[in-house]
Amino acid sequence: MKPDILLVEPMMQFIEDKLDAAYIVHRMYDPNQKTSLEAALPRIKAVATGGGTGITNEWIERLPALGVIAINGVGTDKVDLGFARSRNIDVTTTPGVLTDDVADTGIALMLAALRHVARGDAFVREGRWGKEPFPLGHSPKGKRVGILGLGQIGKAFGRRAEAFGMSVRYWNRSPVKDTTWKSCASPVALAEDSDVLCVIIAATAETRNIVNAEVLKALGPNGLLINIARGTVVDEDALLAALNGGTIAGAGLDVFVNEPNIREEFFSAPNTVLMPHQGSATVETRVAMGELVLANIAAHFAGEKPPTTVN
């Protein structure tokens, strides 16, 4: 008999085909499998889920045989790592393979906001070109970019920013030794020393709302906020107030609190570029992520430590 696993949300079809070939896959999101899933709960030994979805402690408690939770992403904020470890469950992620695409998304959002790309697209489609003026944009060259959270993605973003002629500074929760970029003493100090503030910090209880009204005020009326981390690391009340009140110049946002059901105030916020959490959403990266999920689950069933265990 093939072992039983739980798939919390859909993956690329060919990855699901590989899962089906190796395991009995119970799909949490399929209402037609509700009865069979209930019966299989005691037998399920592995869970595959997304970084933005995770799995709750209540569900973990319903899976007494569970040994591995394979996250298709790098975010761990939707899985209680300590609780999983207390039950001897390995939690894995897909690090490295999505670094470049998420960094690219940050650069794309920055350029789109600086050069009014979304506004320009609407301007042309609405037939306004040639009938009324269009505002000048801003060049990234010579600007200071601050990186809040200098992990792998932060470093990749910084290297790309340098290619556009920007100078890089950062703040990180722990010391970073392998960089010559300027380190700032606090998130507020970083914002004060930045024209563009890119948020790439991990979402934890400690970093919740780390970008608050004080940080946004320090960024200033000419400053631009980019968020490719998680929605919870930015105080959305403060951000909306800052955008509507001119405290900052604009924002490029790929992530939100309670996505996809985001606050409607973002739809009318001035000088914003909004994306539906597309940081790692390329065919190439999703294939690599899916393959790593497969490898982690296979390692568990082979009696080995999954290669990218994080807890």
C-alpha atoms as a PDB file:
ATOM      1  CA  MET A   1       0.000   0.000   0.000  1.00  0.00           C
ATOM      2  CA  LYS A   2       1.167   3.505  -0.796  1.00  0.00           C
ATOM      3  CA  PRO A   3       1.465   5.800   2.231  1.00  0.00           C
ATOM      4  CA  ASP A   4      -1.189   8.442   2.878  1.00  0.00           C
ATOM      5  CA  ILE A   5      -0.404  12.160   2.649  1.00  0.00           C
ATOM      6  CA  LEU A   6      -2.457  15.333   2.926  1.00  0.00           C
ATOM      7  CA  LEU A   7      -2.339  18.057   0.253  1.00  0.00           C
ATOM      8  CA  VAL A   8      -3.652  21.288   1.761  1.00  0.00           C
ATOM      9  CA  GLU A   9      -3.769  23.364  -1.445  1.00  0.00           C
ATOM     10  CA  PRO A  10      -3.216  22.687  -5.157  1.00  0.00           C
ATOM     11  CA  MET A  11       0.270  22.515  -6.659  1.00  0.00           C
ATOM     12  CA  MET A  12       1.436  22.396 -10.279  1.00  0.00           C
ATOM     13  CA  GLN A  13      -0.294  19.530 -12.053  1.00  0.00           C
ATOM     14  CA  PHE A  14       2.839  17.569 -12.859  1.00  0.00           C
ATOM     15  CA  ILE A  15       3.923  17.823  -9.186  1.00  0.00           C
ATOM     16  CA  GLU A  16       0.526  16.519  -8.125  1.00  0.00           C
ATOM     17  CA  ASP A  17       0.874  13.727 -10.684  1.00  0.00           C
ATOM     18  CA  LYS A  18       4.154  12.704  -9.034  1.00  0.00           C
ATOM     19  CA  LEU A  19       2.527  12.814  -5.612  1.00  0.00           C
ATOM     20  CA  ASP A  20      -0.347  10.647  -6.851  1.00  0.00           C
ATOM     21  CA  ALA A  21       2.113   8.149  -8.311  1.00  0.00           C
ATOM     22  CA  ALA A  22       3.935   7.706  -5.001  1.00  0.00           C
ATOM     23  CA  TYR A  23       1.251   8.257  -2.367  1.00  0.00           C
ATOM     24  CA  ILE A  24      -2.450   8.146  -1.617  1.00  0.00           C
ATOM     25  CA  VAL A  25      -3.132  11.876  -1.744  1.00  0.00           C
ATOM     26  CA  HIS A  26      -6.001  13.299   0.294  1.00  0.00           C
ATOM     27  CA  ARG A  27      -6.882  16.799  -0.876  1.00  0.00           C
ATOM     28  CA  MET A  28      -8.119  19.022   1.930  1.00  0.00           C
ATOM     29  CA  TYR A  29      -9.502  21.576  -0.553  1.00  0.00           C
ATOM     30  CA  ASP A  30     -11.670  19.017  -2.402  1.00  0.00           C
ATOM     31  CA  PRO A  31     -15.158  18.838  -0.835  1.00  0.00           C
ATOM     32  CA  ASN A  32     -15.745  15.494  -2.571  1.00  0.00           C
ATOM     33  CA  GLN A  33     -12.966  13.944  -0.450  1.00  0.00           C
ATOM     34  CA  LYS A  34     -14.284  15.076   2.913  1.00  0.00           C
ATOM     35  CA  THR A  35     -15.583  11.660   3.983  1.00  0.00           C
ATOM     36  CA  SER A  36     -12.536   9.711   2.788  1.00  0.00           C
ATOM     37  CA  LEU A  37     -10.221  12.286   4.373  1.00  0.00           C
ATOM     38  CA  GLU A  38     -11.870  11.887   7.776  1.00  0.00           C
ATOM     39  CA  ALA A  39     -11.361   8.151   7.601  1.00  0.00           C
ATOM     40  CA  ALA A  40      -7.713   8.551   6.567  1.00  0.00           C
ATOM     41  CA  LEU A  41      -6.632  10.978   9.306  1.00  0.00           C
ATOM     42  CA  PRO A  42      -4.971   8.332  11.522  1.00  0.00           C
ATOM     43  CA  ARG A  43      -2.889   7.088   8.555  1.00  0.00           C
ATOM     44  CA  ILE A  44      -1.601  10.392   7.161  1.00  0.00           C
ATOM     45  CA  LYS A  45       2.149  10.719   7.683  1.00  0.00           C
ATOM     46  CA  ALA A  46       3.010  13.775   5.569  1.00  0.00           C
ATOM     47  CA  VAL A  47       1.465  17.133   4.744  1.00  0.00           C
ATOM     48  CA  ALA A  48       2.234  19.326   1.739  1.00  0.00           C
ATOM     49  CA  THR A  49       1.039  22.913   2.074  1.00  0.00           C
ATOM     50  CA  GLY A  50       1.721  26.461   0.921  1.00  0.00           C
ATOM     51  CA  GLY A  51       3.683  29.070   2.830  1.00  0.00           C
ATOM     52  CA  GLY A  52       0.698  31.399   2.975  1.00  0.00           C
ATOM     53  CA  THR A  53      -1.673  28.654   4.143  1.00  0.00           C
ATOM     54  CA  GLY A  54       0.353  26.367   6.394  1.00  0.00           C
ATOM     55  CA  ILE A  55      -1.593  24.094   8.700  1.00  0.00           C
ATOM     56  CA  THR A  56      -3.108  24.787  12.100  1.00  0.00           C
ATOM     57  CA  ASN A  57      -2.255  23.101  15.382  1.00  0.00           C
ATOM     58  CA  GLU A  58      -5.825  21.787  15.478  1.00  0.00           C
ATOM     59  CA  TRP A  59      -5.247  19.936  12.226  1.00  0.00           C
ATOM     60  CA  ILE A  60      -1.860  18.682  13.389  1.00  0.00           C
ATOM     61  CA  GLU A  61      -3.529  17.230  16.481  1.00  0.00           C
ATOM     62  CA  ARG A  62      -5.914  15.322  14.217  1.00  0.00           C
ATOM     63  CA  LEU A  63      -2.979  13.624  12.476  1.00  0.00           C
ATOM     64  CA  PRO A  64      -1.378  11.316  15.080  1.00  0.00           C
ATOM     65  CA  ALA A  65       0.981   9.654  12.565  1.00  0.00           C
ATOM     66  CA  LEU A  66       2.234  12.903  11.027  1.00  0.00           C
ATOM     67  CA  GLY A  67       6.012  13.095  10.649  1.00  0.00           C
ATOM     68  CA  VAL A  68       6.688  15.884   8.155  1.00  0.00           C
ATOM     69  CA  ILE A  69       5.078  19.136   7.013  1.00  0.00           C
ATOM     70  CA  ALA A  70       6.534  20.160   3.645  1.00  0.00           C
ATOM     71  CA  ILE A  71       5.936  23.857   2.969  1.00  0.00           C
ATOM     72  CA  ASN A  72       5.938  24.929  -0.664  1.00  0.00           C
ATOM     73  CA  GLY A  73       7.629  28.270   0.081  1.00  0.00           C
ATOM     74  CA  VAL A  74       9.960  29.881   2.614  1.00  0.00           C
ATOM     75  CA  GLY A  75       7.429  31.436   4.987  1.00  0.00           C
ATOM     76  CA  THR A  76       6.899  29.546   8.238  1.00  0.00           C
ATOM     77  CA  ASP A  77       4.500  31.973   9.924  1.00  0.00           C
ATOM     78  CA  LYS A  78       1.487  29.732   9.236  1.00  0.00           C
ATOM     79  CA  VAL A  79       2.982  26.691  10.995  1.00  0.00           C
ATOM     80  CA  ASP A  80       3.750  26.530  14.708  1.00  0.00           C
ATOM     81  CA  LEU A  81       7.337  25.261  14.493  1.00  0.00           C
ATOM     82  CA  GLY A  82       7.689  24.628  18.206  1.00  0.00           C
ATOM     83  CA  PHE A  83       4.416  22.725  18.433  1.00  0.00           C
ATOM     84  CA  ALA A  84       5.400  20.599  15.451  1.00  0.00           C
ATOM     85  CA  ARG A  85       8.790  19.802  17.018  1.00  0.00           C
ATOM     86  CA  SER A  86       7.106  18.884  20.305  1.00  0.00           C
ATOM     87  CA  ARG A  87       5.315  16.163  18.344  1.00  0.00           C
ATOM     88  CA  ASN A  88       8.542  15.120  16.560  1.00  0.00           C
ATOM     89  CA  ILE A  89       7.341  16.536  13.237  1.00  0.00           C
ATOM     90  CA  ASP A  90       9.886  17.947  10.798  1.00  0.00           C
ATOM     91  CA  VAL A  91       8.869  21.164   9.026  1.00  0.00           C
ATOM     92  CA  THR A  92      10.569  21.869   5.706  1.00  0.00           C
ATOM     93  CA  THR A  93      10.645  24.816   3.322  1.00  0.00           C
ATOM     94  CA  THR A  94      11.986  25.482  -0.181  1.00  0.00           C
ATOM     95  CA  PRO A  95      14.879  27.914   0.379  1.00  0.00           C
ATOM     96  CA  GLY A  96      17.190  29.210  -2.311  1.00  0.00           C
ATOM     97  CA  VAL A  97      15.139  28.226  -5.338  1.00  0.00           C
ATOM     98  CA  LEU A  98      12.801  31.222  -5.091  1.00  0.00           C
ATOM     99  CA  THR A  99      15.359  33.850  -4.060  1.00  0.00           C
ATOM    100  CA  ASP A 100      15.932  35.425  -7.466  1.00  0.00           C
ATOM    101  CA  ASP A 101      12.303  35.610  -8.533  1.00  0.00           C
ATOM    102  CA  VAL A 102      11.173  37.237  -5.279  1.00  0.00           C
ATOM    103  CA  ALA A 103      14.015  39.758  -5.542  1.00  0.00           C
ATOM    104  CA  ASP A 104      13.003  40.436  -9.154  1.00  0.00           C
ATOM    105  CA  THR A 105       9.449  41.103  -8.000  1.00  0.00           C
ATOM    106  CA  GLY A 106      10.734  43.678  -5.513  1.00  0.00           C
ATOM    107  CA  ILE A 107      12.702  45.441  -8.249  1.00  0.00           C
ATOM    108  CA  ALA A 108       9.688  45.323 -10.580  1.00  0.00           C
ATOM    109  CA  LEU A 109       7.456  46.902  -7.931  1.00  0.00           C
ATOM    110  CA  MET A 110      10.048  49.577  -7.218  1.00  0.00           C
ATOM    111  CA  LEU A 111      10.451  50.515 -10.878  1.00  0.00           C
ATOM    112  CA  ALA A 112       6.704  50.391 -11.476  1.00  0.00           C
ATOM    113  CA  ALA A 113       6.111  52.798  -8.602  1.00  0.00           C
ATOM    114  CA  LEU A 114       8.982  55.131  -9.498  1.00  0.00           C
ATOM    115  CA  ARG A 115       8.010  55.282 -13.183  1.00  0.00           C
ATOM    116  CA  HIS A 116       4.202  55.186 -12.789  1.00  0.00           C
ATOM    117  CA  VAL A 117       3.883  52.000 -14.856  1.00  0.00           C
ATOM    118  CA  ALA A 118       0.427  50.957 -13.646  1.00  0.00           C
ATOM    119  CA  ARG A 119      -0.884  54.515 -13.878  1.00  0.00           C
ATOM    120  CA  GLY A 120       0.597  54.887 -17.359  1.00  0.00           C
ATOM    121  CA  ASP A 121      -1.046  51.677 -18.546  1.00  0.00           C
ATOM    122  CA  ALA A 122      -4.456  52.934 -17.407  1.00  0.00           C
ATOM    123  CA  PHE A 123      -3.727  56.378 -18.892  1.00  0.00           C
ATOM    124  CA  VAL A 124      -3.159  54.889 -22.353  1.00  0.00           C
ATOM    125  CA  ARG A 125      -6.075  52.450 -22.197  1.00  0.00           C
ATOM    126  CA  GLU A 126      -8.456  55.239 -21.179  1.00  0.00           C
ATOM    127  CA  GLY A 127      -7.542  57.263 -24.258  1.00  0.00           C
ATOM    128  CA  ARG A 128      -6.069  60.153 -22.265  1.00  0.00           C
ATOM    129  CA  TRP A 129      -2.643  60.147 -23.968  1.00  0.00           C
ATOM    130  CA  GLY A 130      -2.185  63.368 -25.940  1.00  0.00           C
ATOM    131  CA  LYS A 131      -5.171  64.983 -24.289  1.00  0.00           C
ATOM    132  CA  GLU A 132      -3.750  65.707 -20.847  1.00  0.00           C
ATOM    133  CA  PRO A 133      -0.310  65.702 -19.227  1.00  0.00           C
ATOM    134  CA  PHE A 134       1.230  62.654 -17.559  1.00  0.00           C
ATOM    135  CA  PRO A 135       3.453  63.126 -14.487  1.00  0.00           C
ATOM    136  CA  LEU A 136       7.193  62.681 -14.619  1.00  0.00           C
ATOM    137  CA  GLY A 137       8.601  59.630 -12.888  1.00  0.00           C
ATOM    138  CA  HIS A 138      11.772  59.217 -10.849  1.00  0.00           C
ATOM    139  CA  SER A 139      15.002  57.435 -11.689  1.00  0.00           C
ATOM    140  CA  PRO A 140      16.396  54.846  -9.263  1.00  0.00           C
ATOM    141  CA  LYS A 141      19.937  55.986 -10.081  1.00  0.00           C
ATOM    142  CA  GLY A 142      21.592  57.741  -7.164  1.00  0.00           C
ATOM    143  CA  LYS A 143      18.856  56.858  -4.710  1.00  0.00           C
ATOM    144  CA  ARG A 144      19.384  55.152  -1.361  1.00  0.00           C
ATOM    145  CA  VAL A 145      17.642  51.816  -0.900  1.00  0.00           C
ATOM    146  CA  GLY A 146      17.151  50.381   2.564  1.00  0.00           C
ATOM    147  CA  ILE A 147      16.624  46.651   3.023  1.00  0.00           C
ATOM    148  CA  LEU A 148      14.690  45.598   6.109  1.00  0.00           C
ATOM    149  CA  GLY A 149      15.807  41.989   6.584  1.00  0.00           C
ATOM    150  CA  LEU A 150      19.078  41.024   4.900  1.00  0.00           C
ATOM    151  CA  GLY A 151      18.660  37.320   4.231  1.00  0.00           C
ATOM    152  CA  GLN A 152      19.159  35.575   0.909  1.00  0.00           C
ATOM    153  CA  ILE A 153      16.370  37.499  -0.812  1.00  0.00           C
ATOM    154  CA  GLY A 154      17.488  40.793   0.721  1.00  0.00           C
ATOM    155  CA  LYS A 155      21.011  40.298  -0.582  1.00  0.00           C
ATOM    156  CA  ALA A 156      19.730  39.389  -4.046  1.00  0.00           C
ATOM    157  CA  PHE A 157      17.548  42.501  -4.061  1.00  0.00           C
ATOM    158  CA  GLY A 158      20.484  44.656  -2.963  1.00  0.00           C
ATOM    159  CA  ARG A 159      22.721  43.369  -5.754  1.00  0.00           C
ATOM    160  CA  ARG A 160      20.030  44.163  -8.297  1.00  0.00           C
ATOM    161  CA  ALA A 161      19.508  47.627  -6.840  1.00  0.00           C
ATOM    162  CA  GLU A 162      23.226  48.350  -7.149  1.00  0.00           C
ATOM    163  CA  ALA A 163      22.987  47.526 -10.860  1.00  0.00           C
ATOM    164  CA  PHE A 164      20.527  50.423 -11.150  1.00  0.00           C
ATOM    165  CA  GLY A 165      23.014  52.789  -9.548  1.00  0.00           C
ATOM    166  CA  MET A 166      21.492  52.743  -6.076  1.00  0.00           C
ATOM    167  CA  SER A 167      23.405  52.720  -2.790  1.00  0.00           C
ATOM    168  CA  VAL A 168      22.392  50.026  -0.303  1.00  0.00           C
ATOM    169  CA  ARG A 169      21.972  50.046   3.452  1.00  0.00           C
ATOM    170  CA  TYR A 170      20.154  47.571   5.698  1.00  0.00           C
ATOM    171  CA  TRP A 171      18.863  46.596   9.113  1.00  0.00           C
ATOM    172  CA  ASN A 172      18.808  42.968  10.229  1.00  0.00           C
ATOM    173  CA  ARG A 173      17.807  41.322  13.492  1.00  0.00           C
ATOM    174  CA  SER A 174      21.157  39.534  13.728  1.00  0.00           C
ATOM    175  CA  PRO A 175      24.645  40.604  12.587  1.00  0.00           C
ATOM    176  CA  VAL A 176      25.512  40.140   8.903  1.00  0.00           C
ATOM    177  CA  LYS A 177      29.206  39.567   8.274  1.00  0.00           C
ATOM    178  CA  ASP A 178      29.425  38.882   4.543  1.00  0.00           C
ATOM    179  CA  THR A 179      28.522  42.352   3.263  1.00  0.00           C
ATOM    180  CA  THR A 180      30.091  45.790   2.975  1.00  0.00           C
ATOM    181  CA  TRP A 181      26.741  47.560   2.838  1.00  0.00           C
ATOM    182  CA  LYS A 182      25.982  50.112   5.522  1.00  0.00           C
ATOM    183  CA  SER A 183      24.255  48.720   8.605  1.00  0.00           C
ATOM    184  CA  CYS A 184      21.681  50.911  10.364  1.00  0.00           C
ATOM    185  CA  ALA A 185      20.927  50.766  14.071  1.00  0.00           C
ATOM    186  CA  SER A 186      17.155  50.352  13.852  1.00  0.00           C
ATOM    187  CA  PRO A 187      14.278  50.181  11.371  1.00  0.00           C
ATOM    188  CA  VAL A 188      13.601  53.867  12.015  1.00  0.00           C
ATOM    189  CA  ALA A 189      17.245  54.769  11.361  1.00  0.00           C
ATOM    190  CA  LEU A 190      17.135  52.714   8.170  1.00  0.00           C
ATOM    191  CA  ALA A 191      14.002  54.487   6.966  1.00  0.00           C
ATOM    192  CA  GLU A 192      15.525  57.889   7.728  1.00  0.00           C
ATOM    193  CA  ASP A 193      18.532  56.993   5.566  1.00  0.00           C
ATOM    194  CA  SER A 194      16.520  55.581   2.631  1.00  0.00           C
ATOM    195  CA  ASP A 195      14.655  56.860  -0.396  1.00  0.00           C
ATOM    196  CA  VAL A 196      13.214  53.397  -0.991  1.00  0.00           C
ATOM    197  CA  LEU A 197      12.533  50.993   1.878  1.00  0.00           C
ATOM    198  CA  CYS A 198      12.173  47.355   0.815  1.00  0.00           C
ATOM    199  CA  VAL A 199      10.684  45.019   3.416  1.00  0.00           C
ATOM    200  CA  ILE A 200      11.987  41.447   3.149  1.00  0.00           C
ATOM    201  CA  ILE A 201      11.970  40.422   6.808  1.00  0.00           C
ATOM    202  CA  ALA A 202      10.567  37.110   8.045  1.00  0.00           C
ATOM    203  CA  ALA A 203       7.097  37.278   9.576  1.00  0.00           C
ATOM    204  CA  THR A 204       7.183  36.334  13.258  1.00  0.00           C
ATOM    205  CA  ALA A 205       5.453  37.512  16.403  1.00  0.00           C
ATOM    206  CA  GLU A 206       8.437  39.809  17.001  1.00  0.00           C
ATOM    207  CA  THR A 207       8.279  41.420  13.537  1.00  0.00           C
ATOM    208  CA  ARG A 208       4.529  41.952  13.416  1.00  0.00           C
ATOM    209  CA  ASN A 209       3.857  45.609  12.432  1.00  0.00           C
ATOM    210  CA  ILE A 210       7.597  46.337  12.533  1.00  0.00           C
ATOM    211  CA  VAL A 211       6.923  48.897   9.800  1.00  0.00           C
ATOM    212  CA  ASN A 212       4.764  51.237  11.840  1.00  0.00           C
ATOM    213  CA  ALA A 213       3.799  54.903  11.780  1.00  0.00           C
ATOM    214  CA  GLU A 214       7.187  55.942  13.173  1.00  0.00           C
ATOM    215  CA  VAL A 215       9.071  54.086  10.438  1.00  0.00           C
ATOM    216  CA  LEU A 216       6.822  55.512   7.725  1.00  0.00           C
ATOM    217  CA  LYS A 217       7.248  59.038   9.063  1.00  0.00           C
ATOM    218  CA  ALA A 218      11.015  58.525   9.006  1.00  0.00           C
ATOM    219  CA  LEU A 219      10.827  57.369   5.392  1.00  0.00           C
ATOM    220  CA  GLY A 220       9.255  60.695   4.573  1.00  0.00           C
ATOM    221  CA  PRO A 221       7.136  62.382   1.890  1.00  0.00           C
ATOM    222  CA  ASN A 222       9.514  61.453  -0.934  1.00  0.00           C
ATOM    223  CA  GLY A 223      10.006  57.879   0.249  1.00  0.00           C
ATOM    224  CA  LEU A 224       8.712  54.703  -1.334  1.00  0.00           C
ATOM    225  CA  LEU A 225       7.777  51.497   0.521  1.00  0.00           C
ATOM    226  CA  ILE A 226       8.122  48.069  -1.115  1.00  0.00           C
ATOM    227  CA  ASN A 227       6.803  44.969   0.659  1.00  0.00           C
ATOM    228  CA  ILE A 228       7.688  41.489  -0.622  1.00  0.00           C
ATOM    229  CA  ALA A 229       7.726  39.851   2.826  1.00  0.00           C
ATOM    230  CA  ARG A 230       4.343  39.268   4.493  1.00  0.00           C
ATOM    231  CA  GLY A 231       1.447  41.626   5.046  1.00  0.00           C
ATOM    232  CA  THR A 232       1.656  41.262   8.817  1.00  0.00           C
ATOM    233  CA  VAL A 233       5.051  42.978   9.057  1.00  0.00           C
ATOM    234  CA  VAL A 234       3.467  46.291   8.030  1.00  0.00           C
ATOM    235  CA  ASP A 235       0.889  48.154  10.114  1.00  0.00           C
ATOM    236  CA  GLU A 236      -1.762  48.558   7.421  1.00  0.00           C
ATOM    237  CA  ASP A 237      -3.663  51.257   9.342  1.00  0.00           C
ATOM    238  CA  ALA A 238      -0.484  53.309   9.493  1.00  0.00           C
ATOM    239  CA  LEU A 239       0.383  52.568   5.857  1.00  0.00           C
ATOM    240  CA  LEU A 240      -3.001  53.635   4.505  1.00  0.00           C
ATOM    241  CA  ALA A 241      -2.888  56.794   6.609  1.00  0.00           C
ATOM    242  CA  ALA A 242       0.631  57.524   5.347  1.00  0.00           C
ATOM    243  CA  LEU A 243      -0.354  57.018   1.701  1.00  0.00           C
ATOM    244  CA  ASN A 244      -3.532  59.072   1.900  1.00  0.00           C
ATOM    245  CA  GLY A 245      -1.937  61.801   4.016  1.00  0.00           C
ATOM    246  CA  GLY A 246       1.234  62.198   1.966  1.00  0.00           C
ATOM    247  CA  THR A 247       3.487  60.967   4.763  1.00  0.00           C
ATOM    248  CA  ILE A 248       5.194  58.785   2.132  1.00  0.00           C
ATOM    249  CA  ALA A 249       5.213  59.139  -1.642  1.00  0.00           C
ATOM    250  CA  GLY A 250       3.912  55.702  -2.567  1.00  0.00           C
ATOM    251  CA  ALA A 251       4.138  51.946  -2.209  1.00  0.00           C
ATOM    252  CA  GLY A 252       4.600  48.761  -4.196  1.00  0.00           C
ATOM    253  CA  LEU A 253       2.909  45.864  -2.415  1.00  0.00           C
ATOM    254  CA  ASP A 254       2.905  42.162  -3.210  1.00  0.00           C
ATOM    255  CA  VAL A 255       1.576  40.999   0.164  1.00  0.00           C
ATOM    256  CA  PHE A 256      -1.246  41.997   2.481  1.00  0.00           C
ATOM    257  CA  VAL A 257      -2.945  41.050   5.722  1.00  0.00           C
ATOM    258  CA  ASN A 258      -5.823  38.601   5.159  1.00  0.00           C
ATOM    259  CA  GLU A 259      -4.996  38.156   1.497  1.00  0.00           C
ATOM    260  CA  PRO A 260      -6.689  37.635  -0.906  1.00  0.00           C
ATOM    261  CA  ASN A 261      -9.480  39.443   0.943  1.00  0.00           C
ATOM    262  CA  ILE A 262      -7.516  42.660   1.317  1.00  0.00           C
ATOM    263  CA  ARG A 263      -8.830  45.974   2.554  1.00  0.00           C
ATOM    264  CA  GLU A 264     -10.710  47.899  -0.118  1.00  0.00           C
ATOM    265  CA  GLU A 265      -8.961  51.108   0.938  1.00  0.00           C
ATOM    266  CA  PHE A 266      -5.918  49.882  -0.973  1.00  0.00           C
ATOM    267  CA  PHE A 267      -7.860  50.071  -4.241  1.00  0.00           C
ATOM    268  CA  SER A 268      -8.097  53.859  -3.991  1.00  0.00           C
ATOM    269  CA  ALA A 269      -4.824  54.585  -2.169  1.00  0.00           C
ATOM    270  CA  PRO A 270      -2.733  57.034  -4.214  1.00  0.00           C
ATOM    271  CA  ASN A 271       0.570  56.115  -5.870  1.00  0.00           C
ATOM    272  CA  THR A 272       0.363  52.405  -5.183  1.00  0.00           C
ATOM    273  CA  VAL A 273       1.183  49.354  -7.275  1.00  0.00           C
ATOM    274  CA  LEU A 274      -0.601  46.223  -6.081  1.00  0.00           C
ATOM    275  CA  MET A 275       0.240  42.608  -6.927  1.00  0.00           C
ATOM    276  CA  PRO A 276      -1.573  39.387  -5.874  1.00  0.00           C
ATOM    277  CA  HIS A 277       1.347  37.816  -3.961  1.00  0.00           C
ATOM    278  CA  GLN A 278       3.353  36.850  -7.025  1.00  0.00           C
ATOM    279  CA  GLY A 279       6.863  36.935  -5.558  1.00  0.00           C
ATOM    280  CA  SER A 280       7.871  33.391  -6.500  1.00  0.00           C
ATOM    281  CA  ALA A 281       5.187  32.874  -9.129  1.00  0.00           C
ATOM    282  CA  THR A 282       7.150  31.862 -12.196  1.00  0.00           C
ATOM    283  CA  VAL A 283       6.916  28.512 -13.906  1.00  0.00           C
ATOM    284  CA  GLU A 284      10.609  27.887 -13.384  1.00  0.00           C
ATOM    285  CA  THR A 285      10.599  28.621  -9.675  1.00  0.00           C
ATOM    286  CA  ARG A 286       7.366  26.789  -8.930  1.00  0.00           C
ATOM    287  CA  VAL A 287       8.769  23.691 -10.641  1.00  0.00           C
ATOM    288  CA  ALA A 288      11.915  23.871  -8.494  1.00  0.00           C
ATOM    289  CA  MET A 289       9.867  24.460  -5.350  1.00  0.00           C
ATOM    290  CA  GLY A 290       7.601  21.525  -6.110  1.00  0.00           C
ATOM    291  CA  GLU A 291      10.566  19.240  -6.725  1.00  0.00           C
ATOM    292  CA  LEU A 292      11.997  20.206  -3.342  1.00  0.00           C
ATOM    293  CA  VAL A 293       8.670  19.444  -1.657  1.00  0.00           C
ATOM    294  CA  LEU A 294       8.770  16.012  -3.315  1.00  0.00           C
ATOM    295  CA  ALA A 295      12.358  15.462  -2.140  1.00  0.00           C
ATOM    296  CA  ASN A 296      11.546  16.379   1.454  1.00  0.00           C
ATOM    297  CA  ILE A 297       8.554  14.047   1.617  1.00  0.00           C
ATOM    298  CA  ALA A 298      10.489  11.236  -0.062  1.00  0.00           C
ATOM    299  CA  ALA A 299      13.338  11.627   2.427  1.00  0.00           C
ATOM    300  CA  HIS A 300      10.924  11.272   5.337  1.00  0.00           C
ATOM    301  CA  PHE A 301       9.469   8.045   3.976  1.00  0.00           C
ATOM    302  CA  ALA A 302      13.000   6.764   3.340  1.00  0.00           C
ATOM    303  CA  GLY A 303      13.749   7.190   7.034  1.00  0.00           C
ATOM    304  CA  GLU A 304      16.071  10.139   6.418  1.00  0.00           C
ATOM    305  CA  LYS A 305      16.058  13.688   7.749  1.00  0.00           C
ATOM    306  CA  PRO A 306      14.354  15.888   5.123  1.00  0.00           C
ATOM    307  CA  PRO A 307      17.096  18.056   3.585  1.00  0.00           C
ATOM    308  CA  THR A 308      15.589  21.481   4.278  1.00  0.00           C
ATOM    309  CA  THR A 309      14.133  20.969   7.759  1.00  0.00           C
ATOM    310  CA  VAL A 310      13.803  24.313   9.546  1.00  0.00           C
ATOM    311  CA  ASN A 311      12.668  23.268  13.041  1.00  0.00           C
END
